[in-house]
């Protein structure tokens, strides 16, 4: 379908303009272009991909071939029950049920048709079944497949093109204003789709919308460095309605990024499993395998100073992965140079030839830290399947025994916005005050709370960010092509 854009001799004319080139934006562009629309994607950064390009892209999916091959019985009802328990009353369970019911065909199957393979299945925090699916190559692979699809359909992708405002008149979106070649230009379109991500990298905006963060001893900004909330500001100026913007998702494994001179940005530490967490007293306080927002985060906040130290040895240090800053490597592999630079420049990471030396370097009580490490090592040496204290599964864990011994200090890190602009079931942006929708204006992905405005609620089971963002992008793209209530089918590739 193609429609004539509103007349304006000074502006380019398109059937659809998509703002943002993460998974939601590219999925929307692919759907709209697949329906015959002339589509342009505007990305403010020099490269496409946004936060999706630095994500592992784990997705909560139900009833997939991967689950079936592993003999895992799962249902939408089971997953929705987990979703409800994590998100509470503010979760949009209609959107959640719709996503879960479609997840096999419209996320798993659709990505396979784009050439993306699903390589891992795990049970992650908050899920009563293994339903966290990892695409081979993570977010970068999904973005590459979507870019290939968009380009094959003739989508124009313009990078280094920051959008400054949504053009509206008489209750309708007419396109956007974009900075191009150092001057503002108007890009008119019948449909305008906003997929600009969140604002987790904007400390001032986080404090304004989530004042409870000011009560923390320290918190770090995560997500993409470009997650500054520009789309939120433009949508607010257009009169859009928003969900509860104080809903943010935090992880307990953030450590300051030494590459950020402000000290506000944080890295997420991953792939260090055989470690223990200790508080200021050098004492363990929980099951370190529960390192997500539902369990690990409250445990961290309950400690003195709302901080902890991850303690591990040389073997784990060789596996350490640092997320949120592409300068250290990919979402799966931190380069040797990146690791060396981290240990050399971080003021919150230490290495030493002995546990006693590590305690001295990190400022932890030597006797208490040695006792915590010793107990952990003893349980593994005894061949216990679970530790006596917190019930942590010990199978597959290694002792902390090979120098250099390592410590990384952890702080709360805000990784995702769980709420954003409100949309109807087609992704059309709702007006503030309950006045219906803004004609011609759509939103998807994190700027829309992953889907609808707040699909997760105040908390989330793992895997419910990337998948719903892709899904809502597809829905918005189809709606922009003219379908009032689009029905996704995996045949649309």
Protein backbone atom coordinates (compact mmCIF):
# COMPACT_ATOMS: atom_id res chain seq x y z
CA UNK A 1 0.00 0.00 0.00
CA UNK A 2 1.23 3.52 -0.76
CA UNK A 3 -0.35 6.84 0.09
CA UNK A 4 0.36 10.38 -0.95
CA UNK A 5 2.00 12.44 1.80
CA UNK A 6 0.69 15.90 2.76
CA UNK A 7 1.90 18.54 0.31
CA UNK A 8 4.95 20.60 1.21
CA UNK A 9 7.27 21.72 -1.52
CA UNK A 10 10.21 22.13 0.90
CA UNK A 11 10.13 18.62 2.32
CA UNK A 12 10.82 15.09 1.27
CA UNK A 13 7.75 12.88 1.03
CA UNK A 14 7.52 9.28 2.16
CA UNK A 15 4.79 6.83 2.98
CA UNK A 16 6.43 6.10 6.33
CA UNK A 17 9.28 7.58 8.32
CA UNK A 18 10.75 5.44 11.10
CA UNK A 19 12.81 7.17 13.77
CA UNK A 20 15.40 4.84 15.29
CA UNK A 21 17.19 1.81 13.85
CA UNK A 22 17.14 -0.70 16.71
CA UNK A 23 15.21 -3.93 16.54
CA UNK A 24 11.82 -2.20 16.85
CA UNK A 25 12.55 0.41 14.19
CA UNK A 26 13.99 -2.00 11.65
CA UNK A 27 11.17 -4.50 12.22
CA UNK A 28 8.64 -1.71 11.65
CA UNK A 29 10.44 -0.59 8.50
CA UNK A 30 10.60 -4.14 7.16
CA UNK A 31 6.87 -4.68 7.66
CA UNK A 32 5.87 -1.34 6.16
CA UNK A 33 8.15 -1.76 3.16
CA UNK A 34 7.04 -5.36 2.73
CA UNK A 35 3.50 -4.02 2.32
CA UNK A 36 4.66 -1.75 -0.51
CA UNK A 37 5.30 1.52 1.30
CA UNK A 38 8.19 3.85 0.55
CA UNK A 39 10.04 3.93 3.88
CA UNK A 40 12.92 5.94 5.29
CA UNK A 41 14.66 5.14 8.58
CA UNK A 42 16.32 8.06 10.36
CA UNK A 43 19.09 7.26 12.86
CA UNK A 44 20.90 9.94 14.82
CA UNK A 45 24.09 7.95 15.27
CA UNK A 46 26.73 7.18 12.63
CA UNK A 47 25.86 3.48 12.65
CA UNK A 48 22.47 1.73 12.80
CA UNK A 49 21.45 -0.69 15.54
CA UNK A 50 20.99 1.34 18.69
CA UNK A 51 20.85 -0.56 21.99
CA UNK A 52 19.96 -3.74 20.09
CA UNK A 53 23.43 -3.88 18.56
CA UNK A 54 25.06 -4.20 21.99
CA UNK A 55 22.46 -6.63 23.36
CA UNK A 56 22.61 -10.41 23.67
CA UNK A 57 18.94 -10.36 22.58
CA UNK A 58 17.67 -13.14 24.82
CA UNK A 59 13.94 -13.61 24.26
CA UNK A 60 11.19 -15.15 26.39
CA UNK A 61 9.39 -17.47 23.92
CA UNK A 62 6.78 -20.17 24.44
CA UNK A 63 6.17 -23.48 22.68
CA UNK A 64 9.17 -23.30 20.39
CA UNK A 65 10.86 -26.16 18.52
CA UNK A 66 13.86 -25.68 20.81
CA UNK A 67 11.69 -26.29 23.87
CA UNK A 68 10.07 -29.29 22.21
CA UNK A 69 13.44 -30.78 21.30
CA UNK A 70 14.46 -30.52 24.97
CA UNK A 71 11.21 -32.11 26.17
CA UNK A 72 10.06 -28.93 27.90
CA UNK A 73 6.32 -28.50 28.29
CA UNK A 74 5.34 -24.87 28.41
CA UNK A 75 2.17 -22.88 27.87
CA UNK A 76 1.08 -19.30 27.47
CA UNK A 77 -0.86 -19.64 30.73
CA UNK A 78 2.23 -20.70 32.69
CA UNK A 79 4.32 -17.91 31.21
CA UNK A 80 1.58 -15.34 31.79
CA UNK A 81 1.40 -16.38 35.43
CA UNK A 82 5.14 -15.76 35.80
CA UNK A 83 4.73 -12.44 33.99
CA UNK A 84 1.93 -11.36 36.33
CA UNK A 85 3.88 -12.24 39.46
CA UNK A 86 6.88 -10.20 38.32
CA UNK A 87 5.06 -7.18 36.91
CA UNK A 88 2.15 -6.71 39.28
CA UNK A 89 -0.96 -4.69 38.57
CA UNK A 90 0.72 -2.25 36.19
CA UNK A 91 1.65 -5.01 33.70
CA UNK A 92 -0.39 -4.89 30.50
CA UNK A 93 -1.43 -8.54 30.48
CA UNK A 94 -3.43 -8.21 27.28
CA UNK A 95 -0.31 -7.23 25.39
CA UNK A 96 1.68 -9.86 27.29
CA UNK A 97 -0.77 -12.66 26.47
CA UNK A 98 -0.83 -11.61 22.85
CA UNK A 99 2.96 -11.55 22.64
CA UNK A 100 3.39 -14.92 24.35
CA UNK A 101 0.76 -16.56 22.13
CA UNK A 102 2.48 -15.23 19.00
CA UNK A 103 6.07 -15.64 20.19
CA UNK A 104 6.71 -18.99 18.51
CA UNK A 105 5.58 -17.96 15.04
CA UNK A 106 6.12 -14.21 15.01
CA UNK A 107 9.45 -13.94 16.81
CA UNK A 108 11.15 -17.35 16.72
CA UNK A 109 9.80 -18.39 13.32
CA UNK A 110 9.98 -14.96 11.72
CA UNK A 111 13.61 -14.52 12.74
CA UNK A 112 14.44 -17.97 11.37
CA UNK A 113 12.97 -16.91 8.02
CA UNK A 114 15.32 -13.92 8.11
CA UNK A 115 18.24 -16.30 8.55
CA UNK A 116 18.66 -16.03 12.33
CA UNK A 117 19.33 -19.31 14.18
CA UNK A 118 18.38 -19.89 17.80
CA UNK A 119 21.30 -21.51 19.58
CA UNK A 120 20.57 -21.72 23.32
CA UNK A 121 17.69 -22.31 25.69
CA UNK A 122 17.92 -21.57 29.41
CA UNK A 123 15.75 -21.02 32.43
CA UNK A 124 16.38 -17.49 33.60
CA UNK A 125 15.18 -15.65 36.67
CA UNK A 126 11.44 -15.26 37.07
CA UNK A 127 10.59 -18.03 34.59
CA UNK A 128 9.13 -21.31 35.85
CA UNK A 129 10.29 -23.06 32.68
CA UNK A 130 13.35 -22.76 30.42
CA UNK A 131 12.05 -20.26 27.87
CA UNK A 132 14.92 -17.77 27.51
CA UNK A 133 16.07 -18.23 23.91
CA UNK A 134 19.35 -16.84 22.59
CA UNK A 135 19.73 -16.05 18.89
CA UNK A 136 23.07 -17.13 17.50
CA UNK A 137 25.16 -13.97 17.36
CA UNK A 138 22.81 -12.07 19.66
CA UNK A 139 21.52 -8.60 18.89
CA UNK A 140 24.17 -7.84 16.25
CA UNK A 141 23.06 -10.87 14.22
CA UNK A 142 19.37 -9.90 14.41
CA UNK A 143 20.17 -6.33 13.42
CA UNK A 144 22.28 -7.53 10.48
CA UNK A 145 19.42 -9.75 9.27
CA UNK A 146 16.91 -6.92 9.59
CA UNK A 147 19.16 -4.49 7.78
CA UNK A 148 19.54 -6.97 4.94
CA UNK A 149 15.77 -7.41 4.78
CA UNK A 150 15.12 -3.66 4.81
CA UNK A 151 17.68 -2.97 2.12
CA UNK A 152 16.28 -5.73 -0.08
CA UNK A 153 12.91 -3.97 0.14
CA UNK A 154 14.35 -0.59 -0.80
CA UNK A 155 14.19 1.01 2.64
CA UNK A 156 16.34 4.15 2.80
CA UNK A 157 18.46 4.12 5.96
CA UNK A 158 19.97 7.48 6.83
CA UNK A 159 22.44 7.62 9.70
CA UNK A 160 23.85 10.75 11.39
CA UNK A 161 20.34 12.19 10.99
CA UNK A 162 19.07 13.21 14.44
CA UNK A 163 15.36 13.97 14.57
CA UNK A 164 14.47 17.03 16.64
CA UNK A 165 10.67 17.08 16.64
CA UNK A 166 7.50 15.47 15.37
CA UNK A 167 5.55 17.66 12.96
CA UNK A 168 1.87 17.81 13.86
CA UNK A 169 -1.14 19.76 12.65
CA UNK A 170 -4.86 19.39 13.35
CA UNK A 171 -4.33 16.34 15.58
CA UNK A 172 -2.25 14.47 13.02
CA UNK A 173 1.43 13.66 12.69
CA UNK A 174 2.82 14.85 9.35
CA UNK A 175 6.42 13.64 9.67
CA UNK A 176 9.49 14.91 11.49
CA UNK A 177 12.12 17.59 11.51
CA UNK A 178 15.66 16.26 11.15
CA UNK A 179 19.11 17.84 11.30
CA UNK A 180 20.80 17.15 7.99
CA UNK A 181 23.97 18.79 6.71
CA UNK A 182 23.92 21.15 9.67
CA UNK A 183 20.43 22.52 9.08
CA UNK A 184 16.87 21.48 9.91
CA UNK A 185 14.87 19.76 7.21
CA UNK A 186 11.30 18.56 7.18
CA UNK A 187 10.64 14.94 6.24
CA UNK A 188 6.92 14.47 5.60
CA UNK A 189 5.19 11.10 5.69
CA UNK A 190 1.73 9.64 5.99
CA UNK A 191 2.89 7.49 8.92
CA UNK A 192 5.49 8.40 11.53
CA UNK A 193 6.87 5.57 13.69
CA UNK A 194 8.93 6.46 16.78
CA UNK A 195 11.36 3.74 17.95
CA UNK A 196 13.99 5.78 19.76
CA UNK A 197 14.63 3.55 22.79
CA UNK A 198 14.73 4.56 26.44
CA UNK A 199 16.41 7.14 28.65
CA UNK A 200 18.55 5.01 30.95
CA UNK A 201 21.67 6.97 29.99
CA UNK A 202 20.11 10.29 31.02
CA UNK A 203 20.75 10.63 34.75
CA UNK A 204 18.74 13.83 35.10
CA UNK A 205 15.71 12.33 33.37
CA UNK A 206 15.95 9.17 35.51
CA UNK A 207 15.98 11.23 38.69
CA UNK A 208 13.08 13.36 37.48
CA UNK A 209 10.84 10.42 36.69
CA UNK A 210 12.13 7.97 39.33
CA UNK A 211 12.87 10.12 42.39
CA UNK A 212 13.40 6.98 44.49
CA UNK A 213 16.79 6.64 42.77
CA UNK A 214 17.96 9.74 44.64
CA UNK A 215 17.68 7.74 47.86
CA UNK A 216 20.27 5.20 46.74
CA UNK A 217 23.85 5.50 47.90
CA UNK A 218 24.90 5.28 44.25
CA UNK A 219 23.36 4.11 41.00
CA UNK A 220 24.79 3.74 37.52
CA UNK A 221 23.25 4.45 34.12
CA UNK A 222 23.15 1.47 31.78
CA UNK A 223 21.69 0.52 28.44
CA UNK A 224 23.01 2.22 25.33
CA UNK A 225 25.03 5.42 25.71
CA UNK A 226 22.55 6.95 23.23
CA UNK A 227 19.52 6.21 25.44
CA UNK A 228 18.91 9.86 26.27
CA UNK A 229 15.12 10.09 26.01
CA UNK A 230 14.92 12.31 22.94
CA UNK A 231 11.95 10.37 21.62
CA UNK A 232 10.12 10.78 24.92
CA UNK A 233 10.60 14.55 24.76
CA UNK A 234 9.30 14.72 21.18
CA UNK A 235 6.29 12.57 22.00
CA UNK A 236 5.49 14.65 25.05
CA UNK A 237 5.59 17.79 22.92
CA UNK A 238 3.17 16.08 20.52
CA UNK A 239 0.68 15.57 23.35
CA UNK A 240 1.16 11.83 23.91
CA UNK A 241 0.07 9.85 26.96
CA UNK A 242 2.67 7.96 28.99
CA UNK A 243 2.76 4.98 31.29
CA UNK A 244 4.43 5.04 34.74
CA UNK A 245 7.90 6.31 33.84
CA UNK A 246 9.19 5.51 37.32
CA UNK A 247 9.20 1.84 36.29
CA UNK A 248 12.83 0.99 35.55
CA UNK A 249 14.68 -2.33 35.48
CA UNK A 250 17.88 -2.58 37.47
CA UNK A 251 20.65 -5.14 37.78
CA UNK A 252 22.96 -5.69 40.77
CA UNK A 253 26.08 -6.35 38.68
CA UNK A 254 26.93 -2.85 37.52
CA UNK A 255 30.40 -1.41 37.91
CA UNK A 256 31.52 2.08 36.83
CA UNK A 257 32.79 2.30 33.27
CA UNK A 258 36.31 3.72 33.56
CA UNK A 259 35.95 5.09 30.02
CA UNK A 260 33.25 7.50 31.27
CA UNK A 261 34.89 10.47 33.01
CA UNK A 262 31.58 11.52 34.59
CA UNK A 263 31.32 8.28 36.57
CA UNK A 264 27.62 7.99 35.71
CA UNK A 265 27.79 5.19 33.15
CA UNK A 266 28.07 1.58 34.21
CA UNK A 267 29.14 -1.72 32.71
CA UNK A 268 27.24 -4.96 33.28
CA UNK A 269 29.51 -7.82 34.35
CA UNK A 270 28.58 -11.17 32.80
CA UNK A 271 29.89 -14.73 32.44
CA UNK A 272 31.64 -14.86 35.81
CA UNK A 273 29.68 -17.71 37.39
CA UNK A 274 32.14 -19.27 39.86
CA UNK A 275 32.24 -16.24 42.10
CA UNK A 276 30.90 -15.23 45.48
CA UNK A 277 29.45 -11.88 46.49
CA UNK A 278 30.46 -10.31 49.78
CA UNK A 279 29.35 -7.14 51.53
CA UNK A 280 31.48 -4.56 53.32
CA UNK A 281 31.97 -7.04 56.14
CA UNK A 282 33.42 -9.63 53.76
CA UNK A 283 30.37 -11.85 54.24
CA UNK A 284 28.21 -13.55 51.65
CA UNK A 285 24.53 -12.64 51.63
CA UNK A 286 22.70 -14.70 48.99
CA UNK A 287 22.66 -17.12 46.07
CA UNK A 288 24.92 -15.55 43.45
CA UNK A 289 23.18 -17.42 40.63
CA UNK A 290 20.16 -15.15 41.25
CA UNK A 291 21.83 -12.10 39.78
CA UNK A 292 18.84 -10.50 38.08
CA UNK A 293 16.49 -7.68 38.95
CA UNK A 294 13.90 -9.78 40.77
CA UNK A 295 16.15 -11.34 43.43
CA UNK A 296 19.72 -10.11 43.17
CA UNK A 297 18.72 -6.45 43.12
CA UNK A 298 16.76 -6.47 46.42
CA UNK A 299 19.56 -8.51 48.02
CA UNK A 300 22.15 -5.90 46.98
CA UNK A 301 20.03 -2.99 48.20
CA UNK A 302 19.77 -4.62 51.62
CA UNK A 303 23.56 -4.53 52.13
CA UNK A 304 25.48 -1.76 53.90
CA UNK A 305 26.14 1.01 51.39
CA UNK A 306 23.99 -0.83 48.81
CA UNK A 307 27.11 -2.29 47.24
CA UNK A 308 28.94 -5.62 47.06
CA UNK A 309 32.14 -7.18 45.75
CA UNK A 310 32.26 -10.08 43.33
CA UNK A 311 35.18 -12.37 44.25
CA UNK A 312 36.64 -14.83 41.72
CA UNK A 313 39.90 -16.19 40.37
CA UNK A 314 41.99 -16.09 37.21
CA UNK A 315 39.89 -18.68 35.37
CA UNK A 316 36.74 -16.59 35.72
CA UNK A 317 38.63 -13.40 34.90
CA UNK A 318 39.49 -14.92 31.52
CA UNK A 319 35.74 -15.34 30.84
CA UNK A 320 34.60 -11.95 32.11
CA UNK A 321 32.40 -10.05 29.65
CA UNK A 322 31.64 -6.34 29.91
CA UNK A 323 28.39 -5.05 28.39
CA UNK A 324 27.02 -1.55 27.67
CA UNK A 325 30.18 -0.20 26.02
CA UNK A 326 31.13 -1.56 22.60
CA UNK A 327 34.65 -0.28 23.15
CA UNK A 328 35.38 -3.42 25.19
CA UNK A 329 34.22 -5.89 22.55
CA UNK A 330 31.04 -7.66 21.46
CA UNK A 331 28.06 -8.62 23.67
CA UNK A 332 29.62 -12.09 23.97
CA UNK A 333 33.37 -11.59 23.95
CA UNK A 334 35.33 -8.86 25.68
CA UNK A 335 38.66 -8.47 23.90
CA UNK A 336 41.92 -9.22 25.70
CA UNK A 337 42.87 -5.58 25.27
CA UNK A 338 39.49 -4.51 26.67
CA UNK A 339 39.88 -6.69 29.75
CA UNK A 340 43.43 -5.47 30.35
CA UNK A 341 42.30 -1.86 30.03
CA UNK A 342 39.43 -2.46 32.45
CA UNK A 343 41.69 -3.95 35.13
CA UNK A 344 44.26 -1.22 34.56
CA UNK A 345 41.92 1.79 34.64
CA UNK A 346 39.00 0.82 36.88
CA UNK A 347 38.98 2.22 40.37
CA UNK A 348 36.54 -0.51 41.39
CA UNK A 349 38.36 -3.67 40.28
CA UNK A 350 41.39 -5.29 41.88
CA UNK A 351 43.71 -8.27 41.40
CA UNK A 352 46.17 -9.78 43.85
CA UNK A 353 48.32 -12.86 44.32
CA UNK A 354 46.51 -13.98 47.47
CA UNK A 355 43.10 -13.64 49.08
CA UNK A 356 44.70 -11.67 51.90
CA UNK A 357 46.31 -9.32 49.37
CA UNK A 358 42.98 -8.93 47.57
CA UNK A 359 41.25 -8.01 50.81
CA UNK A 360 43.85 -5.34 51.47
CA UNK A 361 43.57 -3.93 47.94
CA UNK A 362 39.75 -3.83 47.93
CA UNK A 363 39.44 -2.57 51.50
CA UNK A 364 37.65 -5.67 52.82
CA UNK A 365 38.18 -7.42 56.18
CA UNK A 366 40.90 -10.02 55.59
CA UNK A 367 39.70 -12.67 58.05
CA UNK A 368 36.07 -12.48 56.93
CA UNK A 369 36.91 -12.60 53.23
CA UNK A 370 39.27 -15.54 53.71
CA UNK A 371 36.56 -17.38 55.65
CA UNK A 372 33.95 -16.74 52.95
CA UNK A 373 36.25 -17.98 50.18
CA UNK A 374 37.37 -20.94 52.29
CA UNK A 375 33.83 -22.13 53.04
CA UNK A 376 32.85 -21.90 49.37
CA UNK A 377 35.94 -23.86 48.32
CA UNK A 378 35.38 -26.48 51.02
CA UNK A 379 31.81 -27.18 49.90
CA UNK A 380 32.99 -27.74 46.34
CA UNK A 381 35.83 -30.00 47.53
CA UNK A 382 33.34 -32.07 49.53
CA UNK A 383 31.28 -32.63 46.38
CA UNK A 384 28.10 -31.07 47.79
CA UNK A 385 25.33 -30.49 45.26
CA UNK A 386 23.98 -27.51 47.21
CA UNK A 387 25.66 -25.24 49.69
CA UNK A 388 24.36 -25.31 53.26
CA UNK A 389 23.86 -21.54 53.61
CA UNK A 390 21.80 -20.20 50.70
CA UNK A 391 21.01 -23.39 48.80
CA UNK A 392 23.05 -22.43 45.75
CA UNK A 393 23.59 -25.25 43.28
CA UNK A 394 27.28 -26.15 43.27
CA UNK A 395 27.33 -28.47 40.26
CA UNK A 396 29.70 -27.13 37.63
CA UNK A 397 31.23 -24.46 39.85
CA UNK A 398 34.98 -24.13 40.29
CA UNK A 399 36.80 -23.22 43.49
CA UNK A 400 38.32 -19.78 43.89
CA UNK A 401 41.87 -21.03 43.97
CA UNK A 402 43.98 -19.86 41.01
CA UNK A 403 45.76 -16.51 41.30
CA UNK A 404 45.48 -13.75 40.55
CA UNK A 405 42.45 -13.41 42.78
CA UNK A 406 39.99 -10.77 41.60
CA UNK A 407 37.35 -8.43 43.01
CA UNK A 408 34.90 -6.17 41.20
CA UNK A 409 32.71 -3.77 43.16
CA UNK A 410 29.04 -3.86 42.17
CA UNK A 411 26.44 -1.10 42.33
CA UNK A 412 22.78 -0.85 41.24
CA UNK A 413 22.58 -0.23 37.51
CA UNK A 414 19.51 1.02 35.61
CA UNK A 415 19.41 -1.01 32.40
CA UNK A 416 15.92 -0.59 30.92
CA UNK A 417 12.83 1.61 31.01
CA UNK A 418 9.84 -0.63 31.62
CA UNK A 419 7.30 2.05 30.69
CA UNK A 420 6.96 4.59 27.94
CA UNK A 421 4.44 6.17 25.61
CA UNK A 422 0.97 4.60 25.59
CA UNK A 423 -0.25 3.02 22.37
CA UNK A 424 -3.36 1.19 21.25
CA UNK A 425 -3.16 -2.49 20.16
CA UNK A 426 -1.96 -1.35 16.72
CA UNK A 427 0.89 0.75 18.07
CA UNK A 428 -0.87 4.07 17.48
CA UNK A 429 0.17 6.71 20.02
CA UNK A 430 -2.52 7.69 22.49
CA UNK A 431 -3.30 11.28 23.37
CA UNK A 432 -2.85 12.45 26.93
CA UNK A 433 -6.11 12.87 28.80
CA UNK A 434 -7.86 9.95 27.15
CA UNK A 435 -8.58 11.74 23.89
CA UNK A 436 -8.04 8.85 21.53
CA UNK A 437 -5.00 8.46 19.28
CA UNK A 438 -2.80 10.87 17.36
CA UNK A 439 -3.52 10.13 13.71
CA UNK A 440 -0.55 8.89 11.74
CA UNK A 441 1.72 8.51 14.79
CA UNK A 442 3.00 5.12 16.01
CA UNK A 443 5.53 3.96 18.58
CA UNK A 444 7.23 0.66 19.40
CA UNK A 445 10.09 -0.79 21.41
CA UNK A 446 11.51 0.64 24.61
CA UNK A 447 10.14 4.14 23.97
CA UNK A 448 6.74 2.42 24.29
CA UNK A 449 7.66 0.32 27.32
CA UNK A 450 8.57 -2.51 24.89
CA UNK A 451 4.92 -2.70 23.78
CA UNK A 452 1.73 -0.76 24.49
CA UNK A 453 3.23 1.54 27.10
CA UNK A 454 4.03 -0.89 29.91
CA UNK A 455 3.87 -4.54 28.88
CA UNK A 456 6.02 -5.72 31.81
CA UNK A 457 4.74 -3.67 34.73
CA UNK A 458 7.02 -2.70 37.61
CA UNK A 459 9.14 -5.85 37.23
CA UNK A 460 10.07 -8.32 34.55
CA UNK A 461 10.89 -11.94 34.00
CA UNK A 462 14.09 -12.27 32.01
CA UNK A 463 13.81 -12.15 28.22
CA UNK A 464 10.90 -9.74 27.96
CA UNK A 465 12.62 -6.71 26.45
CA UNK A 466 14.11 -7.62 23.06
CA UNK A 467 11.33 -9.98 21.91
CA UNK A 468 8.39 -7.66 22.70
CA UNK A 469 10.29 -4.75 21.11
CA UNK A 470 10.67 -6.69 17.87
CA UNK A 471 7.04 -7.78 18.07
CA UNK A 472 5.64 -4.31 18.70
CA UNK A 473 7.79 -2.94 15.89
CA UNK A 474 6.27 -5.41 13.47
CA UNK A 475 2.76 -4.50 14.61
CA UNK A 476 3.41 -0.77 14.25
CA UNK A 477 4.90 -1.29 10.80
CA UNK A 478 1.91 -3.28 9.62
CA UNK A 479 -0.50 -0.73 11.08
CA UNK A 480 1.38 2.07 9.35
CA UNK A 481 0.78 0.18 6.10
CA UNK A 482 -2.93 0.57 6.57
CA UNK A 483 -4.13 -2.33 8.70
CA UNK A 484 -6.29 -1.10 11.57
CA UNK A 485 -5.85 -4.31 13.53
CA UNK A 486 -2.98 -6.13 11.85
CA UNK A 487 -2.67 -9.85 12.33
CA UNK A 488 0.91 -11.01 12.18
CA UNK A 489 1.70 -14.13 10.24
CA UNK A 490 5.09 -15.67 9.75
CA UNK A 491 4.39 -15.70 5.99
CA UNK A 492 5.04 -11.96 5.78
CA UNK A 493 8.76 -12.34 5.21
